[in-house]
Structure formats: structure tokens, C-alpha cells
């Protein structure tokens, strides 16, 4: 004697709906990969090169940053500037720092042809750049990366900041995978 269970039509529909929901939930294409605003910027530290402080007496370093700019509307004449969080221009050895010519690429690494006022970002697109920013003195340097562009005739701007320690303890935990150790200073 065999027992057979007949699945109803609703049973199959429910199973298919649960499968589609699970596939959409865990599929990489289901995550939002668009810009979060009309113009958005993200900054990542790739490397920090420390130079010999014995010659000058103060620590000097170069921070290599990767900058990702995303735009919802088509944006042209993209300009990059490096500032301090208070809005003043970034300086190095008393001189204003300008990143100079910046080579922009698409997310696939293909170089972009700059327009008359700077590179352009397609609608719902992104561009990348790598720059080197000089750092002077032992401190936690706060860098503000500002991006400006035009969507049609409307000006757009976005900014992102990053902190880079040079010659000082950043106060971050040291994590060996099993324990995270924090350095504490006693205050009396």
C-alpha cells in the first residue's frame, strides 16, 4: 500500500513564491548599486608612504587615495578639490595643495576622455580616480574630498572626509582575529 499526497495548486504557487523571494533576497543583483544622491563620493585609503623624518624633523607622508564618484543624473565638468574639514584649502609646507591633473577611469578601469571643464559621468554611472595627498607633521590628518559638477545647468556637489594618522597612535583596536586590544591612557 502506498500513500500519495496530492499537492494543491496553492501549494505549488506558495513554493514558487518562496523560492523567488529567497532568490531575490540573496542574489547580488538585488542589492542597490545606485548612487545614494544626485552626486555621491566615497574615499578609501590605498596606502600611506612614510618618509624619513630625521632629515626635516617632522614626519612627512603621502596618502594614496582612491575616489569613487557616483551620479544619478548625467553630470559633466566634474572637478575635485582637497580641503580641510573647516573648509580651508589643504596646504603642504605652507603652500596650497591642488591635485593637479587627475586621470579618471570608469569602474572597469578604462580611461575617460576629459571634457572642456572635466570628465563626465553618465546617468546612473560612476567614475574612479587615484590621487596622492601629501601629509605633514605628526597628527591625525582629516582630509575633505570635494566633488563638483553640472547636471544640465544645475550645479551639484558632494564631499567625503577621511582621517589618516601619521606618527601618532590612531587609537584603533588591534585585532588578531581572536581578541581586540585597545590602548588606554590613564587620566589622573
Foldseek 3Di string as FASTA:
>chain_A
DDDDDDDDPVNVVVVVVVVVVVCLVPPPVNDDPFDPDQKEKDKDFPDKAWDDCPVVVFTKIKTKMKMKMGHQFKWALKDKAKPAPVRHADDDPRHGDGQPDWFKDFPVRHTADHDPRGGIAHHRGMIMTITMDMDIGFDFGKMKMKMWTQRPNDIDIYIDIDTHGDNDDPQAWDDPPPDTDTDDDDDD
